[in-house]
Amino acid sequence: RVLAIAGSDPSGGAGIQADLKSIAAHGGYGMAAITALTAQNTTG
């Protein structure tokens, strides 16, 4: 049971979204506590 404490990336590539994918990819149960909301995409 893995808790990610990080910011959110609405484009899904980094931050909490990447953490949860990575945790799942390695057989973990992912949880998330959001520290910050970002407005970002692949360009910045």
PDB file of all heavy atoms in Angstrom:
ATOM      1  N   ARG A   1       0.869  -1.182   0.000  1.00  0.00           N
ATOM      2  CA  ARG A   1       0.000   0.000   0.000  1.00  0.00           C
ATOM      3  C   ARG A   1       0.902   1.228   0.000  1.00  0.00           C
ATOM      4  O   ARG A   1       1.586   1.512   0.987  1.00  0.00           O
ATOM      5  CB  ARG A   1      -0.913  -0.037   1.222  1.00  0.00           C
ATOM      6  CG  ARG A   1      -1.942  -1.163   1.177  1.00  0.00           C
ATOM      7  CD  ARG A   1      -2.317  -1.699   2.516  1.00  0.00           C
ATOM      8  NE  ARG A   1      -1.196  -2.387   3.172  1.00  0.00           N
ATOM      9  CZ  ARG A   1      -1.318  -3.177   4.230  1.00  0.00           C
ATOM     10  NH1 ARG A   1      -2.510  -3.392   4.761  1.00  0.00           N
ATOM     11  NH2 ARG A   1      -0.254  -3.746   4.766  1.00  0.00           N
ATOM     12  N   VAL A   2       0.924   1.914  -1.111  1.00  0.00           N
ATOM     13  CA  VAL A   2       1.903   2.983  -1.335  1.00  0.00           C
ATOM     14  C   VAL A   2       1.169   4.322  -1.462  1.00  0.00           C
ATOM     15  O   VAL A   2       0.284   4.473  -2.312  1.00  0.00           O
ATOM     16  CB  VAL A   2       2.741   2.712  -2.602  1.00  0.00           C
ATOM     17  CG1 VAL A   2       3.812   3.783  -2.770  1.00  0.00           C
ATOM     18  CG2 VAL A   2       3.372   1.328  -2.533  1.00  0.00           C
ATOM     19  N   LEU A   3       1.582   5.271  -0.642  1.00  0.00           N
ATOM     20  CA  LEU A   3       0.989   6.610  -0.657  1.00  0.00           C
ATOM     21  C   LEU A   3       1.915   7.579  -1.366  1.00  0.00           C
ATOM     22  O   LEU A   3       3.071   7.751  -0.973  1.00  0.00           O
ATOM     23  CB  LEU A   3       0.735   7.091   0.770  1.00  0.00           C
ATOM     24  CG  LEU A   3       0.250   8.541   0.925  1.00  0.00           C
ATOM     25  CD1 LEU A   3      -1.093   8.745   0.234  1.00  0.00           C
ATOM     26  CD2 LEU A   3       0.176   8.927   2.401  1.00  0.00           C
ATOM     27  N   ALA A   4       1.412   8.215  -2.411  1.00  0.00           N
ATOM     28  CA  ALA A   4       2.161   9.252  -3.118  1.00  0.00           C
ATOM     29  C   ALA A   4       1.710  10.612  -2.606  1.00  0.00           C
ATOM     30  O   ALA A   4       0.516  10.909  -2.578  1.00  0.00           O
ATOM     31  CB  ALA A   4       1.940   9.136  -4.619  1.00  0.00           C
ATOM     32  N   ILE A   5       2.667  11.423  -2.195  1.00  0.00           N
ATOM     33  CA  ILE A   5       2.401  12.788  -1.738  1.00  0.00           C
ATOM     34  C   ILE A   5       3.050  13.712  -2.765  1.00  0.00           C
ATOM     35  O   ILE A   5       4.274  13.843  -2.804  1.00  0.00           O
ATOM     36  CB  ILE A   5       2.995  13.037  -0.340  1.00  0.00           C
ATOM     37  CG1 ILE A   5       2.489  11.982   0.652  1.00  0.00           C
ATOM     38  CG2 ILE A   5       2.667  14.433   0.154  1.00  0.00           C
ATOM     39  CD1 ILE A   5       3.176  12.042   2.008  1.00  0.00           C
ATOM     40  N   ALA A   6       2.255  14.316  -3.605  1.00  0.00           N
ATOM     41  CA  ALA A   6       2.840  15.056  -4.723  1.00  0.00           C
ATOM     42  C   ALA A   6       1.801  15.961  -5.360  1.00  0.00           C
ATOM     43  O   ALA A   6       0.623  15.967  -4.979  1.00  0.00           O
ATOM     44  CB  ALA A   6       3.406  14.079  -5.758  1.00  0.00           C
ATOM     45  N   GLY A   7       2.249  16.702  -6.363  1.00  0.00           N
ATOM     46  CA  GLY A   7       1.366  17.582  -7.113  1.00  0.00           C
ATOM     47  C   GLY A   7       0.640  16.827  -8.206  1.00  0.00           C
ATOM     48  O   GLY A   7       0.994  15.702  -8.567  1.00  0.00           O
ATOM     49  N   SER A   8      -0.377  17.460  -8.734  1.00  0.00           N
ATOM     50  CA  SER A   8      -1.210  16.844  -9.771  1.00  0.00           C
ATOM     51  C   SER A   8      -0.827  17.398 -11.144  1.00  0.00           C
ATOM     52  O   SER A   8      -0.569  18.595 -11.302  1.00  0.00           O
ATOM     53  CB  SER A   8      -2.678  17.147  -9.490  1.00  0.00           C
ATOM     54  OG  SER A   8      -3.497  16.691 -10.537  1.00  0.00           O
ATOM     55  N   ASP A   9      -0.787  16.515 -12.130  1.00  0.00           N
ATOM     56  CA  ASP A   9      -0.510  16.906 -13.509  1.00  0.00           C
ATOM     57  C   ASP A   9      -1.727  16.547 -14.355  1.00  0.00           C
ATOM     58  O   ASP A   9      -1.983  15.368 -14.611  1.00  0.00           O
ATOM     59  CB  ASP A   9       0.728  16.178 -14.037  1.00  0.00           C
ATOM     60  CG  ASP A   9       0.963  16.407 -15.521  1.00  0.00           C
ATOM     61  OD1 ASP A   9       0.279  17.263 -16.115  1.00  0.00           O
ATOM     62  OD2 ASP A   9       1.833  15.721 -16.086  1.00  0.00           O
ATOM     63  N   PRO A  10      -2.510  17.521 -14.791  1.00  0.00           N
ATOM     64  CA  PRO A  10      -3.732  17.206 -15.534  1.00  0.00           C
ATOM     65  C   PRO A  10      -3.475  16.501 -16.857  1.00  0.00           C
ATOM     66  O   PRO A  10      -4.378  15.840 -17.381  1.00  0.00           O
ATOM     67  CB  PRO A  10      -4.388  18.577 -15.746  1.00  0.00           C
ATOM     68  CG  PRO A  10      -3.264  19.563 -15.653  1.00  0.00           C
ATOM     69  CD  PRO A  10      -2.310  18.976 -14.640  1.00  0.00           C
ATOM     70  N   SER A  11      -2.270  16.613 -17.402  1.00  0.00           N
ATOM     71  CA  SER A  11      -1.970  15.923 -18.663  1.00  0.00           C
ATOM     72  C   SER A  11      -1.627  14.458 -18.441  1.00  0.00           C
ATOM     73  O   SER A  11      -1.493  13.698 -19.406  1.00  0.00           O
ATOM     74  CB  SER A  11      -0.819  16.628 -19.402  1.00  0.00           C
ATOM     75  OG  SER A  11       0.427  16.396 -18.751  1.00  0.00           O
ATOM     76  N   GLY A  12      -1.472  14.042 -17.170  1.00  0.00           N
ATOM     77  CA  GLY A  12      -1.309  12.629 -16.850  1.00  0.00           C
ATOM     78  C   GLY A  12       0.095  12.084 -16.927  1.00  0.00           C
ATOM     79  O   GLY A  12       0.305  10.906 -16.627  1.00  0.00           O
ATOM     80  N   GLY A  13       1.077  12.899 -17.297  1.00  0.00           N
ATOM     81  CA  GLY A  13       2.418  12.360 -17.510  1.00  0.00           C
ATOM     82  C   GLY A  13       3.309  12.375 -16.295  1.00  0.00           C
ATOM     83  O   GLY A  13       4.246  11.576 -16.195  1.00  0.00           O
ATOM     84  N   ALA A  14       3.074  13.291 -15.366  1.00  0.00           N
ATOM     85  CA  ALA A  14       3.969  13.438 -14.214  1.00  0.00           C
ATOM     86  C   ALA A  14       3.129  13.514 -12.936  1.00  0.00           C
ATOM     87  O   ALA A  14       1.918  13.299 -12.948  1.00  0.00           O
ATOM     88  CB  ALA A  14       4.833  14.693 -14.372  1.00  0.00           C
ATOM     89  N   GLY A  15       3.804  13.810 -11.830  1.00  0.00           N
ATOM     90  CA  GLY A  15       3.109  14.013 -10.574  1.00  0.00           C
ATOM     91  C   GLY A  15       2.319  12.803 -10.117  1.00  0.00           C
ATOM     92  O   GLY A  15       2.676  11.657 -10.379  1.00  0.00           O
ATOM     93  N   ILE A  16       1.214  13.079  -9.407  1.00  0.00           N
ATOM     94  CA  ILE A  16       0.382  12.024  -8.841  1.00  0.00           C
ATOM     95  C   ILE A  16      -0.077  11.031  -9.902  1.00  0.00           C
ATOM     96  O   ILE A  16      -0.104   9.813  -9.672  1.00  0.00           O
ATOM     97  CB  ILE A  16      -0.844  12.646  -8.138  1.00  0.00           C
ATOM     98  CG1 ILE A  16      -0.425  13.268  -6.792  1.00  0.00           C
ATOM     99  CG2 ILE A  16      -1.933  11.617  -7.927  1.00  0.00           C
ATOM    100  CD1 ILE A  16       0.033  12.264  -5.753  1.00  0.00           C
ATOM    101  N   GLN A  17      -0.434  11.533 -11.061  1.00  0.00           N
ATOM    102  CA  GLN A  17      -0.930  10.645 -12.113  1.00  0.00           C
ATOM    103  C   GLN A  17       0.143   9.636 -12.527  1.00  0.00           C
ATOM    104  O   GLN A  17      -0.136   8.446 -12.690  1.00  0.00           O
ATOM    105  CB  GLN A  17      -1.394  11.457 -13.322  1.00  0.00           C
ATOM    106  CG  GLN A  17      -2.716  12.176 -13.110  1.00  0.00           C
ATOM    107  CD  GLN A  17      -2.574  13.515 -12.381  1.00  0.00           C
ATOM    108  OE1 GLN A  17      -1.524  13.826 -11.830  1.00  0.00           O
ATOM    109  NE2 GLN A  17      -3.640  14.298 -12.377  1.00  0.00           N
ATOM    110  N   ALA A  18       1.385  10.109 -12.676  1.00  0.00           N
ATOM    111  CA  ALA A  18       2.479   9.196 -13.016  1.00  0.00           C
ATOM    112  C   ALA A  18       2.769   8.253 -11.854  1.00  0.00           C
ATOM    113  O   ALA A  18       3.072   7.070 -12.049  1.00  0.00           O
ATOM    114  CB  ALA A  18       3.730   9.995 -13.379  1.00  0.00           C
ATOM    115  N   ASP A  19       2.694   8.773 -10.628  1.00  0.00           N
ATOM    116  CA  ASP A  19       2.952   7.936  -9.451  1.00  0.00           C
ATOM    117  C   ASP A  19       1.996   6.754  -9.393  1.00  0.00           C
ATOM    118  O   ASP A  19       2.407   5.611  -9.177  1.00  0.00           O
ATOM    119  CB  ASP A  19       2.815   8.770  -8.170  1.00  0.00           C
ATOM    120  CG  ASP A  19       3.925   9.787  -8.004  1.00  0.00           C
ATOM    121  OD1 ASP A  19       5.042   9.530  -8.491  1.00  0.00           O
ATOM    122  OD2 ASP A  19       3.665  10.841  -7.391  1.00  0.00           O
ATOM    123  N   LEU A  20       0.720   7.023  -9.549  1.00  0.00           N
ATOM    124  CA  LEU A  20      -0.273   5.955  -9.441  1.00  0.00           C
ATOM    125  C   LEU A  20      -0.091   4.909 -10.541  1.00  0.00           C
ATOM    126  O   LEU A  20      -0.250   3.710 -10.298  1.00  0.00           O
ATOM    127  CB  LEU A  20      -1.684   6.540  -9.482  1.00  0.00           C
ATOM    128  CG  LEU A  20      -2.067   7.410  -8.272  1.00  0.00           C
ATOM    129  CD1 LEU A  20      -3.454   8.017  -8.467  1.00  0.00           C
ATOM    130  CD2 LEU A  20      -2.024   6.604  -6.985  1.00  0.00           C
ATOM    131  N   LYS A  21       0.259   5.345 -11.739  1.00  0.00           N
ATOM    132  CA  LYS A  21       0.523   4.391 -12.817  1.00  0.00           C
ATOM    133  C   LYS A  21       1.745   3.541 -12.484  1.00  0.00           C
ATOM    134  O   LYS A  21       1.755   2.316 -12.690  1.00  0.00           O
ATOM    135  CB  LYS A  21       0.745   5.136 -14.134  1.00  0.00           C
ATOM    136  CG  LYS A  21      -0.483   5.845 -14.675  1.00  0.00           C
ATOM    137  CD  LYS A  21      -0.111   6.693 -15.886  1.00  0.00           C
ATOM    138  CE  LYS A  21      -1.285   7.570 -16.316  1.00  0.00           C
ATOM    139  NZ  LYS A  21      -0.920   8.501 -17.413  1.00  0.00           N
ATOM    140  N   SER A  22       2.775   4.192 -11.996  1.00  0.00           N
ATOM    141  CA  SER A  22       4.016   3.493 -11.675  1.00  0.00           C
ATOM    142  C   SER A  22       3.817   2.490 -10.544  1.00  0.00           C
ATOM    143  O   SER A  22       4.326   1.368 -10.588  1.00  0.00           O
ATOM    144  CB  SER A  22       5.085   4.520 -11.293  1.00  0.00           C
ATOM    145  OG  SER A  22       6.340   3.911 -11.125  1.00  0.00           O
ATOM    146  N   ILE A  23       3.086   2.887  -9.517  1.00  0.00           N
ATOM    147  CA  ILE A  23       2.798   1.987  -8.394  1.00  0.00           C
ATOM    148  C   ILE A  23       2.023   0.763  -8.888  1.00  0.00           C
ATOM    149  O   ILE A  23       2.345  -0.383  -8.546  1.00  0.00           O
ATOM    150  CB  ILE A  23       2.010   2.730  -7.298  1.00  0.00           C
ATOM    151  CG1 ILE A  23       2.892   3.811  -6.647  1.00  0.00           C
ATOM    152  CG2 ILE A  23       1.495   1.757  -6.239  1.00  0.00           C
ATOM    153  CD1 ILE A  23       2.116   4.821  -5.814  1.00  0.00           C
ATOM    154  N   ALA A  24       1.004   1.012  -9.701  1.00  0.00           N
ATOM    155  CA  ALA A  24       0.212  -0.098 -10.237  1.00  0.00           C
ATOM    156  C   ALA A  24       1.063  -1.011 -11.116  1.00  0.00           C
ATOM    157  O   ALA A  24       0.912  -2.239 -11.084  1.00  0.00           O
ATOM    158  CB  ALA A  24      -0.978   0.445 -11.027  1.00  0.00           C
ATOM    159  N   ALA A  25       1.951  -0.419 -11.901  1.00  0.00           N
ATOM    160  CA  ALA A  25       2.803  -1.210 -12.789  1.00  0.00           C
ATOM    161  C   ALA A  25       3.716  -2.156 -12.023  1.00  0.00           C
ATOM    162  O   ALA A  25       4.155  -3.180 -12.556  1.00  0.00           O
ATOM    163  CB  ALA A  25       3.648  -0.286 -13.675  1.00  0.00           C
ATOM    164  N   HIS A  26       4.005  -1.825 -10.755  1.00  0.00           N
ATOM    165  CA  HIS A  26       4.883  -2.659  -9.939  1.00  0.00           C
ATOM    166  C   HIS A  26       4.125  -3.442  -8.867  1.00  0.00           C
ATOM    167  O   HIS A  26       4.709  -3.915  -7.896  1.00  0.00           O
ATOM    168  CB  HIS A  26       5.989  -1.796  -9.320  1.00  0.00           C
ATOM    169  CG  HIS A  26       7.020  -1.401 -10.314  1.00  0.00           C
ATOM    170  ND1 HIS A  26       6.816  -0.355 -11.187  1.00  0.00           N
ATOM    171  CD2 HIS A  26       8.231  -1.927 -10.620  1.00  0.00           C
ATOM    172  CE1 HIS A  26       7.874  -0.247 -11.977  1.00  0.00           C
ATOM    173  NE2 HIS A  26       8.729  -1.190 -11.662  1.00  0.00           N
ATOM    174  N   GLY A  27       2.827  -3.577  -9.060  1.00  0.00           N
ATOM    175  CA  GLY A  27       2.052  -4.455  -8.202  1.00  0.00           C
ATOM    176  C   GLY A  27       1.603  -3.853  -6.895  1.00  0.00           C
ATOM    177  O   GLY A  27       1.252  -4.595  -5.968  1.00  0.00           O
ATOM    178  N   GLY A  28       1.605  -2.538  -6.769  1.00  0.00           N
ATOM    179  CA  GLY A  28       1.185  -1.895  -5.539  1.00  0.00           C
ATOM    180  C   GLY A  28      -0.223  -1.339  -5.616  1.00  0.00           C
ATOM    181  O   GLY A  28      -0.795  -1.178  -6.702  1.00  0.00           O
ATOM    182  N   TYR A  29      -0.769  -1.050  -4.431  1.00  0.00           N
ATOM    183  CA  TYR A  29      -2.048  -0.346  -4.343  1.00  0.00           C
ATOM    184  C   TYR A  29      -1.731   1.119  -4.084  1.00  0.00           C
ATOM    185  O   TYR A  29      -1.184   1.482  -3.043  1.00  0.00           O
ATOM    186  CB  TYR A  29      -2.919  -0.908  -3.217  1.00  0.00           C
ATOM    187  CG  TYR A  29      -4.182  -0.121  -2.990  1.00  0.00           C
ATOM    188  CD1 TYR A  29      -5.260  -0.257  -3.850  1.00  0.00           C
ATOM    189  CD2 TYR A  29      -4.283   0.797  -1.935  1.00  0.00           C
ATOM    190  CE1 TYR A  29      -6.427   0.477  -3.657  1.00  0.00           C
ATOM    191  CE2 TYR A  29      -5.446   1.527  -1.726  1.00  0.00           C
ATOM    192  CZ  TYR A  29      -6.508   1.372  -2.598  1.00  0.00           C
ATOM    193  OH  TYR A  29      -7.656   2.105  -2.421  1.00  0.00           O
ATOM    194  N   GLY A  30      -2.057   1.987  -5.034  1.00  0.00           N
ATOM    195  CA  GLY A  30      -1.670   3.386  -4.947  1.00  0.00           C
ATOM    196  C   GLY A  30      -2.702   4.257  -4.261  1.00  0.00           C
ATOM    197  O   GLY A  30      -3.911   4.097  -4.461  1.00  0.00           O
ATOM    198  N   MET A  31      -2.214   5.173  -3.437  1.00  0.00           N
ATOM    199  CA  MET A  31      -3.044   6.191  -2.790  1.00  0.00           C
ATOM    200  C   MET A  31      -2.385   7.536  -3.046  1.00  0.00           C
ATOM    201  O   MET A  31      -1.199   7.606  -3.356  1.00  0.00           O
ATOM    202  CB  MET A  31      -3.145   5.909  -1.294  1.00  0.00           C
ATOM    203  CG  MET A  31      -3.730   4.532  -0.971  1.00  0.00           C
ATOM    204  SD  MET A  31      -3.579   4.096   0.781  1.00  0.00           S
ATOM    205  CE  MET A  31      -1.835   3.684   0.901  1.00  0.00           C
ATOM    206  N   ALA A  32      -3.139   8.627  -2.874  1.00  0.00           N
ATOM    207  CA  ALA A  32      -2.605   9.939  -3.238  1.00  0.00           C
ATOM    208  C   ALA A  32      -3.078  11.031  -2.312  1.00  0.00           C
ATOM    209  O   ALA A  32      -4.265  11.112  -1.985  1.00  0.00           O
ATOM    210  CB  ALA A  32      -2.995  10.281  -4.679  1.00  0.00           C
ATOM    211  N   ALA A  33      -2.135  11.860  -1.906  1.00  0.00           N
ATOM    212  CA  ALA A  33      -2.443  13.097  -1.191  1.00  0.00           C
ATOM    213  C   ALA A  33      -1.888  14.238  -2.029  1.00  0.00           C
ATOM    214  O   ALA A  33      -0.683  14.284  -2.312  1.00  0.00           O
ATOM    215  CB  ALA A  33      -1.810  13.092   0.197  1.00  0.00           C
ATOM    216  N   ILE A  34      -2.748  15.172  -2.423  1.00  0.00           N
ATOM    217  CA  ILE A  34      -2.377  16.211  -3.380  1.00  0.00           C
ATOM    218  C   ILE A  34      -1.781  17.416  -2.644  1.00  0.00           C
ATOM    219  O   ILE A  34      -2.407  17.996  -1.757  1.00  0.00           O
ATOM    220  CB  ILE A  34      -3.592  16.670  -4.194  1.00  0.00           C
ATOM    221  CG1 ILE A  34      -4.337  15.471  -4.777  1.00  0.00           C
ATOM    222  CG2 ILE A  34      -3.163  17.632  -5.287  1.00  0.00           C
ATOM    223  CD1 ILE A  34      -3.557  14.670  -5.762  1.00  0.00           C
ATOM    224  N   THR A  35      -0.568  17.782  -3.021  1.00  0.00           N
ATOM    225  CA  THR A  35       0.093  18.941  -2.423  1.00  0.00           C
ATOM    226  C   THR A  35      -0.136  20.215  -3.215  1.00  0.00           C
ATOM    227  O   THR A  35      -0.078  21.316  -2.663  1.00  0.00           O
ATOM    228  CB  THR A  35       1.604  18.701  -2.331  1.00  0.00           C
ATOM    229  OG1 THR A  35       2.123  18.535  -3.674  1.00  0.00           O
ATOM    230  CG2 THR A  35       1.928  17.457  -1.516  1.00  0.00           C
ATOM    231  N   ALA A  36      -0.341  20.072  -4.515  1.00  0.00           N
ATOM    232  CA  ALA A  36      -0.485  21.253  -5.376  1.00  0.00           C
ATOM    233  C   ALA A  36      -1.245  20.866  -6.626  1.00  0.00           C
ATOM    234  O   ALA A  36      -1.206  19.707  -7.070  1.00  0.00           O
ATOM    235  CB  ALA A  36       0.881  21.817  -5.744  1.00  0.00           C
ATOM    236  N   LEU A  37      -1.927  21.838  -7.188  1.00  0.00           N
ATOM    237  CA  LEU A  37      -2.590  21.661  -8.470  1.00  0.00           C
ATOM    238  C   LEU A  37      -1.805  22.449  -9.502  1.00  0.00           C
ATOM    239  O   LEU A  37      -1.482  23.624  -9.275  1.00  0.00           O
ATOM    240  CB  LEU A  37      -4.031  22.164  -8.404  1.00  0.00           C
ATOM    241  CG  LEU A  37      -4.925  21.533  -7.335  1.00  0.00           C
ATOM    242  CD1 LEU A  37      -6.276  22.240  -7.315  1.00  0.00           C
ATOM    243  CD2 LEU A  37      -5.098  20.054  -7.586  1.00  0.00           C
ATOM    244  N   THR A  38      -1.477  21.813 -10.611  1.00  0.00           N
ATOM    245  CA  THR A  38      -0.752  22.519 -11.663  1.00  0.00           C
ATOM    246  C   THR A  38      -1.610  22.607 -12.910  1.00  0.00           C
ATOM    247  O   THR A  38      -2.467  21.755 -13.158  1.00  0.00           O
ATOM    248  CB  THR A  38       0.568  21.809 -12.019  1.00  0.00           C
ATOM    249  OG1 THR A  38       0.270  20.555 -12.655  1.00  0.00           O
ATOM    250  CG2 THR A  38       1.421  21.578 -10.785  1.00  0.00           C
ATOM    251  N   ALA A  39      -1.378  23.641 -13.683  1.00  0.00           N
ATOM    252  CA  ALA A  39      -1.925  23.739 -15.027  1.00  0.00           C
ATOM    253  C   ALA A  39      -0.747  23.503 -15.955  1.00  0.00           C
ATOM    254  O   ALA A  39       0.125  24.360 -16.096  1.00  0.00           O
ATOM    255  CB  ALA A  39      -2.544  25.114 -15.264  1.00  0.00           C
ATOM    256  N   GLN A  40      -0.662  22.314 -16.515  1.00  0.00           N
ATOM    257  CA  GLN A  40       0.491  21.980 -17.350  1.00  0.00           C
ATOM    258  C   GLN A  40       0.101  20.953 -18.399  1.00  0.00           C
ATOM    259  O   GLN A  40      -0.925  20.300 -18.320  1.00  0.00           O
ATOM    260  CB  GLN A  40       1.656  21.445 -16.511  1.00  0.00           C
ATOM    261  CG  GLN A  40       1.397  20.116 -15.814  1.00  0.00           C
ATOM    262  CD  GLN A  40       2.647  19.566 -15.148  1.00  0.00           C
ATOM    263  OE1 GLN A  40       3.649  19.293 -15.811  1.00  0.00           O
ATOM    264  NE2 GLN A  40       2.587  19.415 -13.823  1.00  0.00           N
ATOM    265  N   ASN A  41       0.971  20.854 -19.398  1.00  0.00           N
ATOM    266  CA  ASN A  41       0.845  19.814 -20.419  1.00  0.00           C
ATOM    267  C   ASN A  41       2.241  19.419 -20.850  1.00  0.00           C
ATOM    268  O   ASN A  41       3.211  19.696 -20.127  1.00  0.00           O
ATOM    269  CB  ASN A  41      -0.018  20.300 -21.597  1.00  0.00           C
ATOM    270  CG  ASN A  41       0.492  21.620 -22.168  1.00  0.00           C
ATOM    271  OD1 ASN A  41       1.695  21.907 -22.144  1.00  0.00           O
ATOM    272  ND2 ASN A  41      -0.439  22.435 -22.676  1.00  0.00           N
ATOM    273  N   THR A  42       2.394  18.806 -21.989  1.00  0.00           N
ATOM    274  CA  THR A  42       3.715  18.321 -22.402  1.00  0.00           C
ATOM    275  C   THR A  42       4.659  19.450 -22.818  1.00  0.00           C
ATOM    276  O   THR A  42       5.862  19.220 -22.968  1.00  0.00           O
ATOM    277  CB  THR A  42       3.597  17.319 -23.571  1.00  0.00           C
ATOM    278  OG1 THR A  42       3.056  17.984 -24.712  1.00  0.00           O
ATOM    279  CG2 THR A  42       2.710  16.149 -23.184  1.00  0.00           C
ATOM    280  N   THR A  43       4.128  20.646 -23.001  1.00  0.00           N
ATOM    281  CA  THR A  43       4.978  21.757 -23.425  1.00  0.00           C
ATOM    282  C   THR A  43       5.441  22.648 -22.276  1.00  0.00           C
ATOM    283  O   THR A  43       6.327  23.475 -22.456  1.00  0.00           O
ATOM    284  CB  THR A  43       4.259  22.635 -24.465  1.00  0.00           C
ATOM    285  OG1 THR A  43       3.102  23.237 -23.864  1.00  0.00           O
ATOM    286  CG2 THR A  43       3.829  21.800 -25.665  1.00  0.00           C
ATOM    287  N   GLY A  44       4.833  22.509 -21.085  1.00  0.00           N
ATOM    288  CA  GLY A  44       5.290  23.324 -19.966  1.00  0.00           C
ATOM    289  C   GLY A  44       4.223  23.518 -18.905  1.00  0.00           C
ATOM    290  O   GLY A  44       3.095  23.035 -19.027  1.00  0.00           O
TER     291      GLY A  44
END
